[in-house]
């Protein structure tokens, strides 16, 4: 399934409501390169580029708080859903490198689980 240039693979269909633009969504994720190198996670500290807590990651669907591909791609999921977002570089960081973990023009992959959907 493609959502605004983001390829979405649903591995487990959620049973709750579907995420929509303007709603606050809470996500668990592992982020890695197309080559399989992890750069971030709020599930496993061993997969983090910079150490941080394992709190649920909240952002506003289609609006703010995450890279464009995550903002768009999450709206395909229902609460409780799990899957992959394959995000082209133009919907991620584009020509900008992020440290030494994300080279410029990288395709990014996120394993995601949509835990919460809240009205703002």
PDB file of N, CA and C in Angstrom:
ATOM      1  N   UNK A   1       0.860  -1.169   0.000  1.00  0.00           N
ATOM      2  CA  UNK A   1       0.000   0.000   0.000  1.00  0.00           C
ATOM      3  C   UNK A   1       0.905   1.231   0.000  1.00  0.00           C
ATOM      4  N   UNK A   2       0.565   2.221  -0.784  1.00  0.00           N
ATOM      5  CA  UNK A   2       1.356   3.445  -0.851  1.00  0.00           C
ATOM      6  C   UNK A   2       0.511   4.608  -0.349  1.00  0.00           C
ATOM      7  N   UNK A   3       1.092   5.420   0.532  1.00  0.00           N
ATOM      8  CA  UNK A   3       0.410   6.581   1.084  1.00  0.00           C
ATOM      9  C   UNK A   3       1.327   7.789   0.892  1.00  0.00           C
ATOM     10  N   UNK A   4       1.045   8.612  -0.122  1.00  0.00           N
ATOM     11  CA  UNK A   4       1.863   9.804  -0.403  1.00  0.00           C
ATOM     12  C   UNK A   4       3.344   9.473  -0.527  1.00  0.00           C
ATOM     13  N   UNK A   5       3.704   8.493  -1.337  1.00  0.00           N
ATOM     14  CA  UNK A   5       5.080   8.081  -1.619  1.00  0.00           C
ATOM     15  C   UNK A   5       5.728   7.243  -0.519  1.00  0.00           C
ATOM     16  N   UNK A   6       5.020   6.961   0.553  1.00  0.00           N
ATOM     17  CA  UNK A   6       5.535   6.080   1.604  1.00  0.00           C
ATOM     18  C   UNK A   6       4.928   4.701   1.375  1.00  0.00           C
ATOM     19  N   UNK A   7       5.791   3.682   1.312  1.00  0.00           N
ATOM     20  CA  UNK A   7       5.297   2.323   1.166  1.00  0.00           C
ATOM     21  C   UNK A   7       4.963   1.797   2.559  1.00  0.00           C
ATOM     22  N   UNK A   8       3.749   1.261   2.714  1.00  0.00           N
ATOM     23  CA  UNK A   8       3.283   0.774   4.011  1.00  0.00           C
ATOM     24  C   UNK A   8       2.964  -0.708   3.890  1.00  0.00           C
ATOM     25  N   UNK A   9       3.552  -1.486   4.788  1.00  0.00           N
ATOM     26  CA  UNK A   9       3.249  -2.910   4.853  1.00  0.00           C
ATOM     27  C   UNK A   9       2.578  -3.169   6.194  1.00  0.00           C
ATOM     28  N   UNK A  10       1.307  -3.518   6.161  1.00  0.00           N
ATOM     29  CA  UNK A  10       0.575  -3.806   7.401  1.00  0.00           C
ATOM     30  C   UNK A  10       0.775  -5.279   7.733  1.00  0.00           C
ATOM     31  N   UNK A  11       1.353  -5.523   8.901  1.00  0.00           N
ATOM     32  CA  UNK A  11       1.630  -6.893   9.335  1.00  0.00           C
ATOM     33  C   UNK A  11       0.547  -7.407  10.282  1.00  0.00           C
ATOM     34  N   UNK A  12      -0.060  -6.480  11.020  1.00  0.00           N
ATOM     35  CA  UNK A  12      -1.159  -6.835  11.923  1.00  0.00           C
ATOM     36  C   UNK A  12      -2.152  -5.685  11.883  1.00  0.00           C
ATOM     37  N   UNK A  13      -3.351  -5.968  11.405  1.00  0.00           N
ATOM     38  CA  UNK A  13      -4.367  -4.927  11.320  1.00  0.00           C
ATOM     39  C   UNK A  13      -4.851  -4.607  12.735  1.00  0.00           C
ATOM     40  N   UNK A  14      -4.889  -3.362  13.081  1.00  0.00           N
ATOM     41  CA  UNK A  14      -5.410  -2.981  14.395  1.00  0.00           C
ATOM     42  C   UNK A  14      -6.918  -3.125  14.431  1.00  0.00           C
ATOM     43  N   UNK A  15      -7.473  -3.018  15.615  1.00  0.00           N
ATOM     44  CA  UNK A  15      -8.927  -3.158  15.758  1.00  0.00           C
ATOM     45  C   UNK A  15      -9.575  -1.849  16.189  1.00  0.00           C
ATOM     46  N   UNK A  16      -8.747  -0.856  16.519  1.00  0.00           N
ATOM     47  CA  UNK A  16      -9.287   0.428  16.954  1.00  0.00           C
ATOM     48  C   UNK A  16      -9.579   1.338  15.780  1.00  0.00           C
ATOM     49  N   UNK A  17      -9.774   2.627  16.095  1.00  0.00           N
ATOM     50  CA  UNK A  17     -10.041   3.595  15.025  1.00  0.00           C
ATOM     51  C   UNK A  17      -8.764   3.882  14.244  1.00  0.00           C
ATOM     52  N   UNK A  18      -8.932   4.388  13.037  1.00  0.00           N
ATOM     53  CA  UNK A  18      -7.793   4.711  12.176  1.00  0.00           C
ATOM     54  C   UNK A  18      -7.262   6.089  12.511  1.00  0.00           C
ATOM     55  N   UNK A  19      -5.936   6.233  12.464  1.00  0.00           N
ATOM     56  CA  UNK A  19      -5.296   7.523  12.709  1.00  0.00           C
ATOM     57  C   UNK A  19      -5.692   8.496  11.605  1.00  0.00           C
ATOM     58  N   UNK A  20      -5.932   9.743  11.978  1.00  0.00           N
ATOM     59  CA  UNK A  20      -6.336  10.753  11.008  1.00  0.00           C
ATOM     60  C   UNK A  20      -5.556  12.040  11.250  1.00  0.00           C
ATOM     61  N   UNK A  21      -5.539  12.884  10.265  1.00  0.00           N
ATOM     62  CA  UNK A  21      -4.832  14.152  10.327  1.00  0.00           C
ATOM     63  C   UNK A  21      -5.264  14.962  11.548  1.00  0.00           C
ATOM     64  N   UNK A  22      -4.282  15.503  12.257  1.00  0.00           N
ATOM     65  CA  UNK A  22      -4.559  16.349  13.409  1.00  0.00           C
ATOM     66  C   UNK A  22      -4.694  15.613  14.724  1.00  0.00           C
ATOM     67  N   UNK A  23      -4.711  14.284  14.686  1.00  0.00           N
ATOM     68  CA  UNK A  23      -4.799  13.525  15.931  1.00  0.00           C
ATOM     69  C   UNK A  23      -3.398  13.245  16.473  1.00  0.00           C
ATOM     70  N   UNK A  24      -3.301  13.205  17.796  1.00  0.00           N
ATOM     71  CA  UNK A  24      -2.058  12.860  18.465  1.00  0.00           C
ATOM     72  C   UNK A  24      -1.950  11.336  18.466  1.00  0.00           C
ATOM     73  N   UNK A  25      -0.858  10.823  17.901  1.00  0.00           N
ATOM     74  CA  UNK A  25      -0.674   9.381  17.838  1.00  0.00           C
ATOM     75  C   UNK A  25       0.543   8.981  18.659  1.00  0.00           C
ATOM     76  N   UNK A  26       0.488   7.831  19.282  1.00  0.00           N
ATOM     77  CA  UNK A  26       1.588   7.290  20.076  1.00  0.00           C
ATOM     78  C   UNK A  26       2.106   6.024  19.430  1.00  0.00           C
ATOM     79  N   UNK A  27       3.412   5.985  19.173  1.00  0.00           N
ATOM     80  CA  UNK A  27       4.012   4.918  18.382  1.00  0.00           C
ATOM     81  C   UNK A  27       5.227   4.307  19.088  1.00  0.00           C
ATOM     82  N   UNK A  28       5.369   3.010  18.965  1.00  0.00           N
ATOM     83  CA  UNK A  28       6.607   2.304  19.297  1.00  0.00           C
ATOM     84  C   UNK A  28       7.274   1.980  17.970  1.00  0.00           C
ATOM     85  N   UNK A  29       8.609   2.092  17.892  1.00  0.00           N
ATOM     86  CA  UNK A  29       9.281   1.909  16.602  1.00  0.00           C
ATOM     87  C   UNK A  29      10.719   1.453  16.750  1.00  0.00           C
ATOM     88  N   UNK A  30      11.201   0.825  15.677  1.00  0.00           N
ATOM     89  CA  UNK A  30      12.619   0.587  15.414  1.00  0.00           C
ATOM     90  C   UNK A  30      12.879   1.224  14.061  1.00  0.00           C
ATOM     91  N   UNK A  31      13.914   2.059  13.958  1.00  0.00           N
ATOM     92  CA  UNK A  31      14.254   2.691  12.685  1.00  0.00           C
ATOM     93  C   UNK A  31      15.595   2.192  12.189  1.00  0.00           C
ATOM     94  N   UNK A  32      15.656   1.855  10.903  1.00  0.00           N
ATOM     95  CA  UNK A  32      16.906   1.351  10.344  1.00  0.00           C
ATOM     96  C   UNK A  32      17.016   1.701   8.869  1.00  0.00           C
ATOM     97  N   UNK A  33      18.239   1.578   8.360  1.00  0.00           N
ATOM     98  CA  UNK A  33      18.507   1.888   6.959  1.00  0.00           C
ATOM     99  C   UNK A  33      18.071   0.723   6.080  1.00  0.00           C
ATOM    100  N   UNK A  34      18.044   0.980   4.788  1.00  0.00           N
ATOM    101  CA  UNK A  34      17.718  -0.049   3.802  1.00  0.00           C
ATOM    102  C   UNK A  34      18.711  -1.209   3.893  1.00  0.00           C
ATOM    103  N   UNK A  35      19.920  -0.920   4.373  1.00  0.00           N
ATOM    104  CA  UNK A  35      20.958  -1.947   4.533  1.00  0.00           C
ATOM    105  C   UNK A  35      20.822  -2.710   5.859  1.00  0.00           C
ATOM    106  N   UNK A  36      19.841  -2.333   6.667  1.00  0.00           N
ATOM    107  CA  UNK A  36      19.598  -3.043   7.915  1.00  0.00           C
ATOM    108  C   UNK A  36      20.336  -2.508   9.125  1.00  0.00           C
ATOM    109  N   UNK A  37      20.945  -1.323   9.025  1.00  0.00           N
ATOM    110  CA  UNK A  37      21.660  -0.738  10.160  1.00  0.00           C
ATOM    111  C   UNK A  37      20.707   0.126  10.980  1.00  0.00           C
ATOM    112  N   UNK A  38      20.535  -0.219  12.255  1.00  0.00           N
ATOM    113  CA  UNK A  38      19.632   0.523  13.134  1.00  0.00           C
ATOM    114  C   UNK A  38      20.198   1.890  13.489  1.00  0.00           C
ATOM    115  N   UNK A  39      19.316   2.890  13.587  1.00  0.00           N
ATOM    116  CA  UNK A  39      19.732   4.220  14.014  1.00  0.00           C
ATOM    117  C   UNK A  39      18.884   4.742  15.163  1.00  0.00           C
ATOM    118  N   UNK A  40      17.712   4.157  15.413  1.00  0.00           N
ATOM    119  CA  UNK A  40      16.902   4.622  16.539  1.00  0.00           C
ATOM    120  C   UNK A  40      15.821   3.613  16.881  1.00  0.00           C
ATOM    121  N   UNK A  41      15.393   3.667  18.140  1.00  0.00           N
ATOM    122  CA  UNK A  41      14.358   2.765  18.638  1.00  0.00           C
ATOM    123  C   UNK A  41      13.824   3.295  19.959  1.00  0.00           C
ATOM    124  N   UNK A  42      12.538   3.086  20.203  1.00  0.00           N
ATOM    125  CA  UNK A  42      12.020   3.310  21.549  1.00  0.00           C
ATOM    126  C   UNK A  42      11.504   1.978  22.109  1.00  0.00           C
ATOM    127  N   UNK A  43      12.080   0.895  21.561  1.00  0.00           N
ATOM    128  CA  UNK A  43      11.771  -0.462  22.012  1.00  0.00           C
ATOM    129  C   UNK A  43      13.017  -1.117  22.600  1.00  0.00           C
ATOM    130  N   UNK A  44      14.182  -0.840  21.987  1.00  0.00           N
ATOM    131  CA  UNK A  44      15.429  -1.521  22.332  1.00  0.00           C
ATOM    132  C   UNK A  44      16.580  -0.501  22.368  1.00  0.00           C
ATOM    133  N   UNK A  45      17.162  -0.265  23.544  1.00  0.00           N
ATOM    134  CA  UNK A  45      18.233   0.730  23.667  1.00  0.00           C
ATOM    135  C   UNK A  45      19.470   0.356  22.849  1.00  0.00           C
ATOM    136  N   UNK A  46      19.689  -0.921  22.556  1.00  0.00           N
ATOM    137  CA  UNK A  46      20.840  -1.342  21.768  1.00  0.00           C
ATOM    138  C   UNK A  46      20.735  -0.870  20.312  1.00  0.00           C
ATOM    139  N   UNK A  47      19.554  -0.434  19.894  1.00  0.00           N
ATOM    140  CA  UNK A  47      19.335  -0.004  18.505  1.00  0.00           C
ATOM    141  C   UNK A  47      19.281   1.518  18.382  1.00  0.00           C
ATOM    142  N   UNK A  48      19.705   2.236  19.423  1.00  0.00           N
ATOM    143  CA  UNK A  48      19.641   3.698  19.427  1.00  0.00           C
ATOM    144  C   UNK A  48      20.967   4.332  19.021  1.00  0.00           C
ATOM    145  N   UNK A  49      20.886   5.385  18.219  1.00  0.00           N
ATOM    146  CA  UNK A  49      22.035   6.192  17.830  1.00  0.00           C
ATOM    147  C   UNK A  49      22.478   7.044  19.022  1.00  0.00           C
ATOM    148  N   UNK A  50      21.534   7.695  19.676  1.00  0.00           N
ATOM    149  CA  UNK A  50      21.778   8.466  20.896  1.00  0.00           C
ATOM    150  C   UNK A  50      20.889   7.888  21.985  1.00  0.00           C
ATOM    151  N   UNK A  51      21.448   7.544  23.126  1.00  0.00           N
ATOM    152  CA  UNK A  51      20.639   6.947  24.194  1.00  0.00           C
ATOM    153  C   UNK A  51      19.489   7.857  24.630  1.00  0.00           C
ATOM    154  N   UNK A  52      18.315   7.268  24.785  1.00  0.00           N
ATOM    155  CA  UNK A  52      17.139   7.984  25.301  1.00  0.00           C
ATOM    156  C   UNK A  52      16.183   6.969  25.903  1.00  0.00           C
ATOM    157  N   UNK A  53      15.178   7.462  26.561  1.00  0.00           N
ATOM    158  CA  UNK A  53      14.197   6.590  27.196  1.00  0.00           C
ATOM    159  C   UNK A  53      13.403   5.791  26.178  1.00  0.00           C
ATOM    160  N   UNK A  54      12.631   4.857  26.672  1.00  0.00           N
ATOM    161  CA  UNK A  54      11.817   4.005  25.804  1.00  0.00           C
ATOM    162  C   UNK A  54      10.347   4.414  25.848  1.00  0.00           C
ATOM    163  N   UNK A  55      10.104   5.691  26.096  1.00  0.00           N
ATOM    164  CA  UNK A  55       8.732   6.186  26.140  1.00  0.00           C
ATOM    165  C   UNK A  55       8.086   6.093  24.762  1.00  0.00           C
ATOM    166  N   UNK A  56       6.778   5.991  24.745  1.00  0.00           N
ATOM    167  CA  UNK A  56       6.022   6.045  23.496  1.00  0.00           C
ATOM    168  C   UNK A  56       6.311   7.374  22.811  1.00  0.00           C
ATOM    169  N   UNK A  57       6.502   7.340  21.498  1.00  0.00           N
ATOM    170  CA  UNK A  57       6.784   8.533  20.704  1.00  0.00           C
ATOM    171  C   UNK A  57       5.454   9.111  20.217  1.00  0.00           C
ATOM    172  N   UNK A  58       5.166  10.348  20.626  1.00  0.00           N
ATOM    173  CA  UNK A  58       3.924  11.013  20.229  1.00  0.00           C
ATOM    174  C   UNK A  58       4.195  12.097  19.196  1.00  0.00           C
ATOM    175  N   UNK A  59       3.311  12.197  18.205  1.00  0.00           N
ATOM    176  CA  UNK A  59       3.359  13.274  17.215  1.00  0.00           C
ATOM    177  C   UNK A  59       1.960  13.474  16.648  1.00  0.00           C
ATOM    178  N   UNK A  60       1.777  14.546  15.901  1.00  0.00           N
ATOM    179  CA  UNK A  60       0.466  14.868  15.347  1.00  0.00           C
ATOM    180  C   UNK A  60       0.416  14.391  13.891  1.00  0.00           C
ATOM    181  N   UNK A  61      -0.435  13.411  13.620  1.00  0.00           N
ATOM    182  CA  UNK A  61      -0.537  12.801  12.291  1.00  0.00           C
ATOM    183  C   UNK A  61      -0.741  13.858  11.207  1.00  0.00           C
ATOM    184  N   UNK A  62       0.038  13.730  10.138  1.00  0.00           N
ATOM    185  CA  UNK A  62       0.023  14.602   8.958  1.00  0.00           C
ATOM    186  C   UNK A  62       0.363  16.056   9.250  1.00  0.00           C
ATOM    187  N   UNK A  63       0.823  16.374  10.492  1.00  0.00           N
ATOM    188  CA  UNK A  63       1.066  17.777  10.795  1.00  0.00           C
ATOM    189  C   UNK A  63       2.452  18.070  11.342  1.00  0.00           C
ATOM    190  N   UNK A  64       2.833  17.478  12.497  1.00  0.00           N
ATOM    191  CA  UNK A  64       4.105  17.888  13.100  1.00  0.00           C
ATOM    192  C   UNK A  64       4.632  16.862  14.083  1.00  0.00           C
ATOM    193  N   UNK A  65       5.940  16.954  14.322  1.00  0.00           N
ATOM    194  CA  UNK A  65       6.568  16.161  15.371  1.00  0.00           C
ATOM    195  C   UNK A  65       7.375  14.974  14.894  1.00  0.00           C
ATOM    196  N   UNK A  66       7.391  14.704  13.581  1.00  0.00           N
ATOM    197  CA  UNK A  66       8.148  13.573  13.036  1.00  0.00           C
ATOM    198  C   UNK A  66       8.525  13.900  11.596  1.00  0.00           C
ATOM    199  N   UNK A  67       9.338  13.023  10.990  1.00  0.00           N
ATOM    200  CA  UNK A  67       9.669  13.228   9.578  1.00  0.00           C
ATOM    201  C   UNK A  67       8.393  13.047   8.741  1.00  0.00           C
ATOM    202  N   UNK A  68       8.378  13.652   7.568  1.00  0.00           N
ATOM    203  CA  UNK A  68       7.191  13.660   6.720  1.00  0.00           C
ATOM    204  C   UNK A  68       6.654  12.256   6.433  1.00  0.00           C
ATOM    205  N   UNK A  69       7.534  11.319   6.170  1.00  0.00           N
ATOM    206  CA  UNK A  69       7.093   9.957   5.871  1.00  0.00           C
ATOM    207  C   UNK A  69       6.361   9.292   7.022  1.00  0.00           C
ATOM    208  N   UNK A  70       6.785   9.576   8.241  1.00  0.00           N
ATOM    209  CA  UNK A  70       6.102   9.043   9.422  1.00  0.00           C
ATOM    210  C   UNK A  70       4.753   9.742   9.603  1.00  0.00           C
ATOM    211  N   UNK A  71       4.733  11.063   9.422  1.00  0.00           N
ATOM    212  CA  UNK A  71       3.493  11.831   9.549  1.00  0.00           C
ATOM    213  C   UNK A  71       2.414  11.299   8.621  1.00  0.00           C
ATOM    214  N   UNK A  72       2.808  11.000   7.384  1.00  0.00           N
ATOM    215  CA  UNK A  72       1.861  10.515   6.369  1.00  0.00           C
ATOM    216  C   UNK A  72       1.547   9.034   6.549  1.00  0.00           C
ATOM    217  N   UNK A  73       2.588   8.224   6.695  1.00  0.00           N
ATOM    218  CA  UNK A  73       2.415   6.770   6.698  1.00  0.00           C
ATOM    219  C   UNK A  73       1.592   6.233   7.846  1.00  0.00           C
ATOM    220  N   UNK A  74       1.658   6.871   8.992  1.00  0.00           N
ATOM    221  CA  UNK A  74       0.949   6.340  10.170  1.00  0.00           C
ATOM    222  C   UNK A  74      -0.565   6.374   9.987  1.00  0.00           C
ATOM    223  N   UNK A  75      -1.065   7.235   9.095  1.00  0.00           N
ATOM    224  CA  UNK A  75      -2.517   7.353   8.920  1.00  0.00           C
ATOM    225  C   UNK A  75      -3.135   6.144   8.219  1.00  0.00           C
ATOM    226  N   UNK A  76      -2.332   5.205   7.759  1.00  0.00           N
ATOM    227  CA  UNK A  76      -2.848   3.972   7.169  1.00  0.00           C
ATOM    228  C   UNK A  76      -3.222   2.974   8.268  1.00  0.00           C
ATOM    229  N   UNK A  77      -2.655   3.160   9.465  1.00  0.00           N
ATOM    230  CA  UNK A  77      -2.842   2.201  10.548  1.00  0.00           C
ATOM    231  C   UNK A  77      -4.038   2.517  11.434  1.00  0.00           C
ATOM    232  N   UNK A  78      -4.580   1.441  12.010  1.00  0.00           N
ATOM    233  CA  UNK A  78      -5.590   1.557  13.060  1.00  0.00           C
ATOM    234  C   UNK A  78      -4.899   1.315  14.394  1.00  0.00           C
ATOM    235  N   UNK A  79      -5.516   1.803  15.473  1.00  0.00           N
ATOM    236  CA  UNK A  79      -4.967   1.587  16.807  1.00  0.00           C
ATOM    237  C   UNK A  79      -4.741   0.093  17.021  1.00  0.00           C
ATOM    238  N   UNK A  80      -3.532  -0.246  17.498  1.00  0.00           N
ATOM    239  CA  UNK A  80      -3.160  -1.642  17.706  1.00  0.00           C
ATOM    240  C   UNK A  80      -2.479  -2.265  16.504  1.00  0.00           C
ATOM    241  N   UNK A  81      -2.424  -1.535  15.396  1.00  0.00           N
ATOM    242  CA  UNK A  81      -1.815  -2.061  14.179  1.00  0.00           C
ATOM    243  C   UNK A  81      -0.295  -2.059  14.244  1.00  0.00           C
ATOM    244  N   UNK A  82       0.307  -2.991  13.493  1.00  0.00           N
ATOM    245  CA  UNK A  82       1.766  -3.092  13.405  1.00  0.00           C
ATOM    246  C   UNK A  82       2.142  -3.246  11.943  1.00  0.00           C
ATOM    247  N   UNK A  83       3.322  -2.725  11.605  1.00  0.00           N
ATOM    248  CA  UNK A  83       3.792  -2.894  10.243  1.00  0.00           C
ATOM    249  C   UNK A  83       5.068  -2.140   9.989  1.00  0.00           C
ATOM    250  N   UNK A  84       5.354  -1.941   8.696  1.00  0.00           N
ATOM    251  CA  UNK A  84       6.571  -1.261   8.254  1.00  0.00           C
ATOM    252  C   UNK A  84       6.213  -0.030   7.451  1.00  0.00           C
ATOM    253  N   UNK A  85       7.010   1.013   7.643  1.00  0.00           N
ATOM    254  CA  UNK A  85       6.972   2.197   6.792  1.00  0.00           C
ATOM    255  C   UNK A  85       8.305   2.239   6.059  1.00  0.00           C
ATOM    256  N   UNK A  86       8.268   2.227   4.747  1.00  0.00           N
ATOM    257  CA  UNK A  86       9.483   2.371   3.937  1.00  0.00           C
ATOM    258  C   UNK A  86       9.411   3.771   3.342  1.00  0.00           C
ATOM    259  N   UNK A  87      10.312   4.624   3.808  1.00  0.00           N
ATOM    260  CA  UNK A  87      10.225   6.061   3.558  1.00  0.00           C
ATOM    261  C   UNK A  87      11.340   6.505   2.615  1.00  0.00           C
ATOM    262  N   UNK A  88      10.976   7.006   1.424  1.00  0.00           N
ATOM    263  CA  UNK A  88      12.012   7.509   0.517  1.00  0.00           C
ATOM    264  C   UNK A  88      12.707   8.724   1.120  1.00  0.00           C
ATOM    265  N   UNK A  89      13.928   8.980   0.692  1.00  0.00           N
ATOM    266  CA  UNK A  89      14.732  10.046   1.293  1.00  0.00           C
ATOM    267  C   UNK A  89      14.034  11.400   1.271  1.00  0.00           C
ATOM    268  N   UNK A  90      13.289  11.685   0.220  1.00  0.00           N
ATOM    269  CA  UNK A  90      12.593  12.965   0.124  1.00  0.00           C
ATOM    270  C   UNK A  90      11.517  13.156   1.179  1.00  0.00           C
ATOM    271  N   UNK A  91      11.067  12.073   1.787  1.00  0.00           N
ATOM    272  CA  UNK A  91      10.064  12.135   2.857  1.00  0.00           C
ATOM    273  C   UNK A  91      10.725  11.909   4.217  1.00  0.00           C
ATOM    274  N   UNK A  92      12.082  11.826   4.214  1.00  0.00           N
ATOM    275  CA  UNK A  92      12.853  11.637   5.452  1.00  0.00           C
ATOM    276  C   UNK A  92      13.743  12.861   5.646  1.00  0.00           C
ATOM    277  N   UNK A  93      15.055  12.686   5.487  1.00  0.00           N
ATOM    278  CA  UNK A  93      15.990  13.791   5.700  1.00  0.00           C
ATOM    279  C   UNK A  93      16.593  14.333   4.411  1.00  0.00           C
ATOM    280  N   UNK A  94      16.210  13.746   3.258  1.00  0.00           N
ATOM    281  CA  UNK A  94      16.672  14.241   1.968  1.00  0.00           C
ATOM    282  C   UNK A  94      18.183  14.270   1.855  1.00  0.00           C
ATOM    283  N   UNK A  95      18.749  15.371   1.342  1.00  0.00           N
ATOM    284  CA  UNK A  95      20.192  15.449   1.109  1.00  0.00           C
ATOM    285  C   UNK A  95      21.017  15.688   2.379  1.00  0.00           C
ATOM    286  N   UNK A  96      20.344  15.784   3.531  1.00  0.00           N
ATOM    287  CA  UNK A  96      21.035  16.033   4.798  1.00  0.00           C
ATOM    288  C   UNK A  96      21.442  14.722   5.462  1.00  0.00           C
ATOM    289  N   UNK A  97      22.693  14.605   5.858  1.00  0.00           N
ATOM    290  CA  UNK A  97      23.128  13.461   6.665  1.00  0.00           C
ATOM    291  C   UNK A  97      22.801  13.767   8.124  1.00  0.00           C
ATOM    292  N   UNK A  98      22.444  12.744   8.880  1.00  0.00           N
ATOM    293  CA  UNK A  98      22.176  12.894  10.314  1.00  0.00           C
ATOM    294  C   UNK A  98      23.262  12.109  11.041  1.00  0.00           C
ATOM    295  N   UNK A  99      24.250  12.850  11.545  1.00  0.00           N
ATOM    296  CA  UNK A  99      25.391  12.202  12.191  1.00  0.00           C
ATOM    297  C   UNK A  99      26.069  11.242  11.238  1.00  0.00           C
ATOM    298  N   UNK A 100      26.617  10.167  11.784  1.00  0.00           N
ATOM    299  CA  UNK A 100      27.238   9.162  10.919  1.00  0.00           C
ATOM    300  C   UNK A 100      26.346   7.936  10.767  1.00  0.00           C
ATOM    301  N   UNK A 101      25.127   8.001  11.277  1.00  0.00           N
ATOM    302  CA  UNK A 101      24.215   6.853  11.221  1.00  0.00           C
ATOM    303  C   UNK A 101      23.239   6.914  10.051  1.00  0.00           C
ATOM    304  N   UNK A 102      22.905   8.121   9.593  1.00  0.00           N
ATOM    305  CA  UNK A 102      21.973   8.260   8.478  1.00  0.00           C
ATOM    306  C   UNK A 102      22.649   9.099   7.392  1.00  0.00           C
ATOM    307  N   UNK A 103      23.175   8.429   6.352  1.00  0.00           N
ATOM    308  CA  UNK A 103      23.806   9.177   5.261  1.00  0.00           C
ATOM    309  C   UNK A 103      22.778  10.018   4.494  1.00  0.00           C
ATOM    310  N   UNK A 104      23.263  11.011   3.777  1.00  0.00           N
ATOM    311  CA  UNK A 104      22.395  11.823   2.925  1.00  0.00           C
ATOM    312  C   UNK A 104      21.649  10.916   1.942  1.00  0.00           C
ATOM    313  N   UNK A 105      20.437  11.313   1.600  1.00  0.00           N
ATOM    314  CA  UNK A 105      19.601  10.618   0.600  1.00  0.00           C
ATOM    315  C   UNK A 105      19.280   9.173   0.968  1.00  0.00           C
ATOM    316  N   UNK A 106      19.125   8.902   2.249  1.00  0.00           N
ATOM    317  CA  UNK A 106      18.833   7.535   2.710  1.00  0.00           C
ATOM    318  C   UNK A 106      17.351   7.210   2.681  1.00  0.00           C
ATOM    319  N   UNK A 107      17.052   5.994   2.221  1.00  0.00           N
ATOM    320  CA  UNK A 107      15.725   5.414   2.390  1.00  0.00           C
ATOM    321  C   UNK A 107      15.696   4.865   3.811  1.00  0.00           C
ATOM    322  N   UNK A 108      14.642   5.178   4.569  1.00  0.00           N
ATOM    323  CA  UNK A 108      14.540   4.722   5.955  1.00  0.00           C
ATOM    324  C   UNK A 108      13.387   3.743   6.110  1.00  0.00           C
ATOM    325  N   UNK A 109      13.562   2.796   7.013  1.00  0.00           N
ATOM    326  CA  UNK A 109      12.523   1.808   7.297  1.00  0.00           C
ATOM    327  C   UNK A 109      12.215   1.864   8.790  1.00  0.00           C
ATOM    328  N   UNK A 110      10.944   1.874   9.100  1.00  0.00           N
ATOM    329  CA  UNK A 110      10.509   1.854  10.495  1.00  0.00           C
ATOM    330  C   UNK A 110       9.545   0.695  10.697  1.00  0.00           C
ATOM    331  N   UNK A 111       9.840  -0.132  11.696  1.00  0.00           N
ATOM    332  CA  UNK A 111       8.856  -1.088  12.195  1.00  0.00           C
ATOM    333  C   UNK A 111       8.054  -0.304  13.218  1.00  0.00           C
ATOM    334  N   UNK A 112       6.744  -0.235  13.050  1.00  0.00           N
ATOM    335  CA  UNK A 112       5.928   0.592  13.931  1.00  0.00           C
ATOM    336  C   UNK A 112       4.775  -0.202  14.535  1.00  0.00           C
ATOM    337  N   UNK A 113       4.363   0.250  15.709  1.00  0.00           N
ATOM    338  CA  UNK A 113       3.139  -0.224  16.342  1.00  0.00           C
ATOM    339  C   UNK A 113       2.404   1.013  16.827  1.00  0.00           C
ATOM    340  N   UNK A 114       1.163   1.171  16.394  1.00  0.00           N
ATOM    341  CA  UNK A 114       0.350   2.324  16.770  1.00  0.00           C
ATOM    342  C   UNK A 114      -0.398   1.996  18.067  1.00  0.00           C
ATOM    343  N   UNK A 115       0.057   2.596  19.167  1.00  0.00           N
ATOM    344  CA  UNK A 115      -0.499   2.275  20.482  1.00  0.00           C
ATOM    345  C   UNK A 115      -1.658   3.177  20.895  1.00  0.00           C
ATOM    346  N   UNK A 116      -1.581   4.463  20.529  1.00  0.00           N
ATOM    347  CA  UNK A 116      -2.584   5.429  20.979  1.00  0.00           C
ATOM    348  C   UNK A 116      -3.007   6.343  19.858  1.00  0.00           C
ATOM    349  N   UNK A 117      -4.281   6.724  19.878  1.00  0.00           N
ATOM    350  CA  UNK A 117      -4.803   7.781  19.005  1.00  0.00           C
ATOM    351  C   UNK A 117      -5.657   8.666  19.902  1.00  0.00           C
ATOM    352  N   UNK A 118      -5.262   9.932  20.006  1.00  0.00           N
ATOM    353  CA  UNK A 118      -5.970  10.864  20.883  1.00  0.00           C
ATOM    354  C   UNK A 118      -6.349  12.108  20.095  1.00  0.00           C
ATOM    355  N   UNK A 119      -7.517  12.661  20.379  1.00  0.00           N
ATOM    356  CA  UNK A 119      -7.870  13.936  19.765  1.00  0.00           C
ATOM    357  C   UNK A 119      -7.044  15.015  20.451  1.00  0.00           C
ATOM    358  N   UNK A 120      -6.545  15.947  19.650  1.00  0.00           N
ATOM    359  CA  UNK A 120      -5.692  17.018  20.190  1.00  0.00           C
ATOM    360  C   UNK A 120      -6.464  17.911  21.151  1.00  0.00           C
TER     361      UNK A 120
END
